[in-house]
Amino acid sequence: MENNEGSLTGKLELIAVKTFKNYDEMYKVINFLNTTLKDKKLIFGLTKDSANGTVTISIYES
């Protein structure tokens, strides 16, 4: 049996990463960017580091 990957499992290329002070509503910004720019093949990720009080935004190209 072959392992055929679907079109949704393509490789992501990391374009940029930036860390900021924690902002509780940053997820709304990320959601807005993902919704608005999905046709540009960009994906935005958000990682929260509670220990350091920071959030990290990652930008990927799909």
PDB file of N, CA and C in Angstrom:
ATOM      1  N   MET A   1       0.843  -1.184   0.000  1.00  0.00           N
ATOM      2  CA  MET A   1       0.000   0.000   0.000  1.00  0.00           C
ATOM      3  C   MET A   1       0.885   1.243   0.000  1.00  0.00           C
ATOM      4  N   GLU A   2       0.597   2.161  -0.889  1.00  0.00           N
ATOM      5  CA  GLU A   2       1.373   3.396  -0.982  1.00  0.00           C
ATOM      6  C   GLU A   2       0.885   4.417   0.027  1.00  0.00           C
ATOM      7  N   ASN A   3       1.785   5.270   0.439  1.00  0.00           N
ATOM      8  CA  ASN A   3       1.431   6.360   1.344  1.00  0.00           C
ATOM      9  C   ASN A   3       1.231   7.615   0.506  1.00  0.00           C
ATOM     10  N   ASN A   4       0.008   7.845   0.066  1.00  0.00           N
ATOM     11  CA  ASN A   4      -0.304   9.028  -0.741  1.00  0.00           C
ATOM     12  C   ASN A   4      -0.731  10.161   0.165  1.00  0.00           C
ATOM     13  N   GLU A   5       0.028  11.236   0.145  1.00  0.00           N
ATOM     14  CA  GLU A   5      -0.311  12.393   0.968  1.00  0.00           C
ATOM     15  C   GLU A   5      -1.280  13.280   0.223  1.00  0.00           C
ATOM     16  N   GLY A   6      -2.270  13.803   0.939  1.00  0.00           N
ATOM     17  CA  GLY A   6      -3.230  14.708   0.333  1.00  0.00           C
ATOM     18  C   GLY A   6      -2.644  16.088   0.147  1.00  0.00           C
ATOM     19  N   SER A   7      -3.368  16.944  -0.532  1.00  0.00           N
ATOM     20  CA  SER A   7      -2.875  18.289  -0.814  1.00  0.00           C
ATOM     21  C   SER A   7      -2.761  19.149   0.446  1.00  0.00           C
ATOM     22  N   LEU A   8      -3.449  18.760   1.508  1.00  0.00           N
ATOM     23  CA  LEU A   8      -3.407  19.547   2.737  1.00  0.00           C
ATOM     24  C   LEU A   8      -2.185  19.225   3.597  1.00  0.00           C
ATOM     25  N   THR A   9      -1.423  18.208   3.222  1.00  0.00           N
ATOM     26  CA  THR A   9      -0.275  17.822   4.036  1.00  0.00           C
ATOM     27  C   THR A   9       1.034  18.282   3.410  1.00  0.00           C
ATOM     28  N   GLY A  10       0.985  19.316   2.591  1.00  0.00           N
ATOM     29  CA  GLY A  10       2.195  19.849   1.964  1.00  0.00           C
ATOM     30  C   GLY A  10       3.147  20.412   2.994  1.00  0.00           C
ATOM     31  N   LYS A  11       4.376  20.604   2.570  1.00  0.00           N
ATOM     32  CA  LYS A  11       5.408  21.105   3.471  1.00  0.00           C
ATOM     33  C   LYS A  11       5.249  22.608   3.687  1.00  0.00           C
ATOM     34  N   LEU A  12       5.482  23.035   4.916  1.00  0.00           N
ATOM     35  CA  LEU A  12       5.441  24.456   5.250  1.00  0.00           C
ATOM     36  C   LEU A  12       6.867  24.983   5.333  1.00  0.00           C
ATOM     37  N   GLU A  13       7.065  26.191   4.827  1.00  0.00           N
ATOM     38  CA  GLU A  13       8.375  26.832   4.898  1.00  0.00           C
ATOM     39  C   GLU A  13       8.294  27.988   5.885  1.00  0.00           C
ATOM     40  N   LEU A  14       9.131  27.946   6.911  1.00  0.00           N
ATOM     41  CA  LEU A  14       9.171  29.010   7.909  1.00  0.00           C
ATOM     42  C   LEU A  14       9.822  30.238   7.293  1.00  0.00           C
ATOM     43  N   ILE A  15       9.098  31.359   7.324  1.00  0.00           N
ATOM     44  CA  ILE A  15       9.591  32.608   6.736  1.00  0.00           C
ATOM     45  C   ILE A  15      10.187  33.518   7.807  1.00  0.00           C
ATOM     46  N   ALA A  16       9.482  33.654   8.942  1.00  0.00           N
ATOM     47  CA  ALA A  16       9.940  34.584   9.976  1.00  0.00           C
ATOM     48  C   ALA A  16       9.380  34.195  11.337  1.00  0.00           C
ATOM     49  N   VAL A  17      10.107  34.580  12.382  1.00  0.00           N
ATOM     50  CA  VAL A  17       9.688  34.359  13.766  1.00  0.00           C
ATOM     51  C   VAL A  17      10.008  35.626  14.543  1.00  0.00           C
ATOM     52  N   LYS A  18       9.061  36.075  15.369  1.00  0.00           N
ATOM     53  CA  LYS A  18       9.271  37.280  16.190  1.00  0.00           C
ATOM     54  C   LYS A  18       8.596  37.076  17.538  1.00  0.00           C
ATOM     55  N   THR A  19       9.286  37.430  18.614  1.00  0.00           N
ATOM     56  CA  THR A  19       8.761  37.295  19.967  1.00  0.00           C
ATOM     57  C   THR A  19       8.435  38.672  20.537  1.00  0.00           C
ATOM     58  N   PHE A  20       7.279  38.743  21.223  1.00  0.00           N
ATOM     59  CA  PHE A  20       6.788  39.991  21.814  1.00  0.00           C
ATOM     60  C   PHE A  20       6.382  39.747  23.259  1.00  0.00           C
ATOM     61  N   LYS A  21       6.193  40.843  24.002  1.00  0.00           N
ATOM     62  CA  LYS A  21       5.587  40.738  25.325  1.00  0.00           C
ATOM     63  C   LYS A  21       4.177  40.188  25.157  1.00  0.00           C
ATOM     64  N   ASN A  22       3.713  39.444  26.160  1.00  0.00           N
ATOM     65  CA  ASN A  22       2.397  38.815  26.078  1.00  0.00           C
ATOM     66  C   ASN A  22       1.292  39.847  25.889  1.00  0.00           C
ATOM     67  N   TYR A  23       0.412  39.545  24.980  1.00  0.00           N
ATOM     68  CA  TYR A  23      -0.770  40.361  24.712  1.00  0.00           C
ATOM     69  C   TYR A  23      -1.935  39.390  24.612  1.00  0.00           C
ATOM     70  N   ASP A  24      -2.885  39.483  25.551  1.00  0.00           N
ATOM     71  CA  ASP A  24      -3.945  38.484  25.682  1.00  0.00           C
ATOM     72  C   ASP A  24      -4.794  38.293  24.432  1.00  0.00           C
ATOM     73  N   GLU A  25      -4.946  39.313  23.619  1.00  0.00           N
ATOM     74  CA  GLU A  25      -5.808  39.191  22.447  1.00  0.00           C
ATOM     75  C   GLU A  25      -5.024  39.025  21.143  1.00  0.00           C
ATOM     76  N   MET A  26      -3.758  38.650  21.249  1.00  0.00           N
ATOM     77  CA  MET A  26      -2.945  38.452  20.045  1.00  0.00           C
ATOM     78  C   MET A  26      -3.532  37.361  19.155  1.00  0.00           C
ATOM     79  N   TYR A  27      -4.196  36.368  19.756  1.00  0.00           N
ATOM     80  CA  TYR A  27      -4.797  35.300  18.958  1.00  0.00           C
ATOM     81  C   TYR A  27      -5.822  35.851  17.978  1.00  0.00           C
ATOM     82  N   LYS A  28      -6.465  36.964  18.316  1.00  0.00           N
ATOM     83  CA  LYS A  28      -7.431  37.587  17.402  1.00  0.00           C
ATOM     84  C   LYS A  28      -6.720  38.171  16.187  1.00  0.00           C
ATOM     85  N   VAL A  29      -5.544  38.736  16.405  1.00  0.00           N
ATOM     86  CA  VAL A  29      -4.743  39.275  15.297  1.00  0.00           C
ATOM     87  C   VAL A  29      -4.310  38.134  14.381  1.00  0.00           C
ATOM     88  N   ILE A  30      -3.843  37.034  14.974  1.00  0.00           N
ATOM     89  CA  ILE A  30      -3.399  35.880  14.189  1.00  0.00           C
ATOM     90  C   ILE A  30      -4.563  35.294  13.402  1.00  0.00           C
ATOM     91  N   ASN A  31      -5.714  35.180  14.018  1.00  0.00           N
ATOM     92  CA  ASN A  31      -6.901  34.672  13.326  1.00  0.00           C
ATOM     93  C   ASN A  31      -7.273  35.578  12.151  1.00  0.00           C
ATOM     94  N   PHE A  32      -7.226  36.886  12.367  1.00  0.00           N
ATOM     95  CA  PHE A  32      -7.509  37.855  11.302  1.00  0.00           C
ATOM     96  C   PHE A  32      -6.531  37.690  10.139  1.00  0.00           C
ATOM     97  N   LEU A  33      -5.254  37.583  10.451  1.00  0.00           N
ATOM     98  CA  LEU A  33      -4.238  37.422   9.407  1.00  0.00           C
ATOM     99  C   LEU A  33      -4.434  36.121   8.634  1.00  0.00           C
ATOM    100  N   ASN A  34      -4.693  35.024   9.348  1.00  0.00           N
ATOM    101  CA  ASN A  34      -4.902  33.740   8.677  1.00  0.00           C
ATOM    102  C   ASN A  34      -6.127  33.772   7.775  1.00  0.00           C
ATOM    103  N   THR A  35      -7.192  34.386   8.236  1.00  0.00           N
ATOM    104  CA  THR A  35      -8.419  34.474   7.443  1.00  0.00           C
ATOM    105  C   THR A  35      -8.227  35.364   6.222  1.00  0.00           C
ATOM    106  N   THR A  36      -7.566  36.479   6.412  1.00  0.00           N
ATOM    107  CA  THR A  36      -7.394  37.459   5.341  1.00  0.00           C
ATOM    108  C   THR A  36      -6.373  37.029   4.290  1.00  0.00           C
ATOM    109  N   LEU A  37      -5.305  36.373   4.715  1.00  0.00           N
ATOM    110  CA  LEU A  37      -4.192  36.087   3.806  1.00  0.00           C
ATOM    111  C   LEU A  37      -4.085  34.624   3.378  1.00  0.00           C
ATOM    112  N   LYS A  38      -5.126  33.824   3.636  1.00  0.00           N
ATOM    113  CA  LYS A  38      -5.043  32.407   3.272  1.00  0.00           C
ATOM    114  C   LYS A  38      -4.877  32.207   1.772  1.00  0.00           C
ATOM    115  N   ASP A  39      -5.447  33.099   0.946  1.00  0.00           N
ATOM    116  CA  ASP A  39      -5.311  32.968  -0.507  1.00  0.00           C
ATOM    117  C   ASP A  39      -3.899  33.318  -0.981  1.00  0.00           C
ATOM    118  N   LYS A  40      -3.093  33.925  -0.114  1.00  0.00           N
ATOM    119  CA  LYS A  40      -1.691  34.244  -0.430  1.00  0.00           C
ATOM    120  C   LYS A  40      -0.752  33.118   0.006  1.00  0.00           C
ATOM    121  N   LYS A  41      -1.335  32.026   0.490  1.00  0.00           N
ATOM    122  CA  LYS A  41      -0.592  30.841   0.948  1.00  0.00           C
ATOM    123  C   LYS A  41       0.311  31.148   2.137  1.00  0.00           C
ATOM    124  N   LEU A  42      -0.166  32.015   3.028  1.00  0.00           N
ATOM    125  CA  LEU A  42       0.556  32.334   4.256  1.00  0.00           C
ATOM    126  C   LEU A  42      -0.215  31.788   5.445  1.00  0.00           C
ATOM    127  N   ILE A  43       0.513  31.252   6.409  1.00  0.00           N
ATOM    128  CA  ILE A  43      -0.078  30.736   7.637  1.00  0.00           C
ATOM    129  C   ILE A  43       0.675  31.369   8.800  1.00  0.00           C
ATOM    130  N   PHE A  44      -0.075  31.869   9.773  1.00  0.00           N
ATOM    131  CA  PHE A  44       0.506  32.512  10.944  1.00  0.00           C
ATOM    132  C   PHE A  44       0.258  31.631  12.163  1.00  0.00           C
ATOM    133  N   GLY A  45       1.303  31.420  12.953  1.00  0.00           N
ATOM    134  CA  GLY A  45       1.189  30.624  14.163  1.00  0.00           C
ATOM    135  C   GLY A  45       1.503  31.470  15.380  1.00  0.00           C
ATOM    136  N   LEU A  46       0.955  31.053  16.517  1.00  0.00           N
ATOM    137  CA  LEU A  46       1.157  31.786  17.767  1.00  0.00           C
ATOM    138  C   LEU A  46       1.523  30.798  18.858  1.00  0.00           C
ATOM    139  N   THR A  47       2.628  31.069  19.551  1.00  0.00           N
ATOM    140  CA  THR A  47       3.065  30.242  20.666  1.00  0.00           C
ATOM    141  C   THR A  47       3.186  31.129  21.893  1.00  0.00           C
ATOM    142  N   LYS A  48       2.524  30.713  22.969  1.00  0.00           N
ATOM    143  CA  LYS A  48       2.552  31.490  24.208  1.00  0.00           C
ATOM    144  C   LYS A  48       3.523  30.844  25.194  1.00  0.00           C
ATOM    145  N   ASP A  49       4.398  31.654  25.772  1.00  0.00           N
ATOM    146  CA  ASP A  49       5.337  31.203  26.794  1.00  0.00           C
ATOM    147  C   ASP A  49       4.963  31.900  28.099  1.00  0.00           C
ATOM    148  N   SER A  50       4.147  31.227  28.893  1.00  0.00           N
ATOM    149  CA  SER A  50       3.654  31.818  30.144  1.00  0.00           C
ATOM    150  C   SER A  50       4.775  32.066  31.143  1.00  0.00           C
ATOM    151  N   ALA A  51       5.780  31.226  31.137  1.00  0.00           N
ATOM    152  CA  ALA A  51       6.887  31.367  32.087  1.00  0.00           C
ATOM    153  C   ALA A  51       7.641  32.672  31.874  1.00  0.00           C
ATOM    154  N   ASN A  52       7.803  33.069  30.609  1.00  0.00           N
ATOM    155  CA  ASN A  52       8.536  34.302  30.296  1.00  0.00           C
ATOM    156  C   ASN A  52       7.618  35.482  30.012  1.00  0.00           C
ATOM    157  N   GLY A  53       6.313  35.244  29.937  1.00  0.00           N
ATOM    158  CA  GLY A  53       5.375  36.323  29.641  1.00  0.00           C
ATOM    159  C   GLY A  53       5.487  36.840  28.221  1.00  0.00           C
ATOM    160  N   THR A  54       5.778  35.930  27.281  1.00  0.00           N
ATOM    161  CA  THR A  54       5.936  36.330  25.886  1.00  0.00           C
ATOM    162  C   THR A  54       5.054  35.488  24.964  1.00  0.00           C
ATOM    163  N   VAL A  55       4.861  36.000  23.765  1.00  0.00           N
ATOM    164  CA  VAL A  55       4.220  35.249  22.689  1.00  0.00           C
ATOM    165  C   VAL A  55       5.142  35.326  21.476  1.00  0.00           C
ATOM    166  N   THR A  56       5.148  34.265  20.698  1.00  0.00           N
ATOM    167  CA  THR A  56       5.975  34.214  19.499  1.00  0.00           C
ATOM    168  C   THR A  56       5.078  33.988  18.294  1.00  0.00           C
ATOM    169  N   ILE A  57       5.240  34.842  17.299  1.00  0.00           N
ATOM    170  CA  ILE A  57       4.502  34.709  16.047  1.00  0.00           C
ATOM    171  C   ILE A  57       5.436  34.072  15.024  1.00  0.00           C
ATOM    172  N   SER A  58       4.934  33.038  14.366  1.00  0.00           N
ATOM    173  CA  SER A  58       5.670  32.381  13.287  1.00  0.00           C
ATOM    174  C   SER A  58       4.882  32.555  12.002  1.00  0.00           C
ATOM    175  N   ILE A  59       5.583  32.850  10.912  1.00  0.00           N
ATOM    176  CA  ILE A  59       4.946  33.008   9.609  1.00  0.00           C
ATOM    177  C   ILE A  59       5.476  31.914   8.695  1.00  0.00           C
ATOM    178  N   TYR A  60       4.538  31.193   8.075  1.00  0.00           N
ATOM    179  CA  TYR A  60       4.878  30.091   7.185  1.00  0.00           C
ATOM    180  C   TYR A  60       4.288  30.335   5.808  1.00  0.00           C
ATOM    181  N   GLU A  61       4.968  29.795   4.797  1.00  0.00           N
ATOM    182  CA  GLU A  61       4.430  29.781   3.444  1.00  0.00           C
ATOM    183  C   GLU A  61       4.098  28.334   3.121  1.00  0.00           C
ATOM    184  N   SER A  62       2.881  28.113   2.619  1.00  0.00           N
ATOM    185  CA  SER A  62       2.476  26.741   2.306  1.00  0.00           C
ATOM    186  C   SER A  62       2.588  26.457   0.833  1.00  0.00           C
TER     187      SER A  62
END
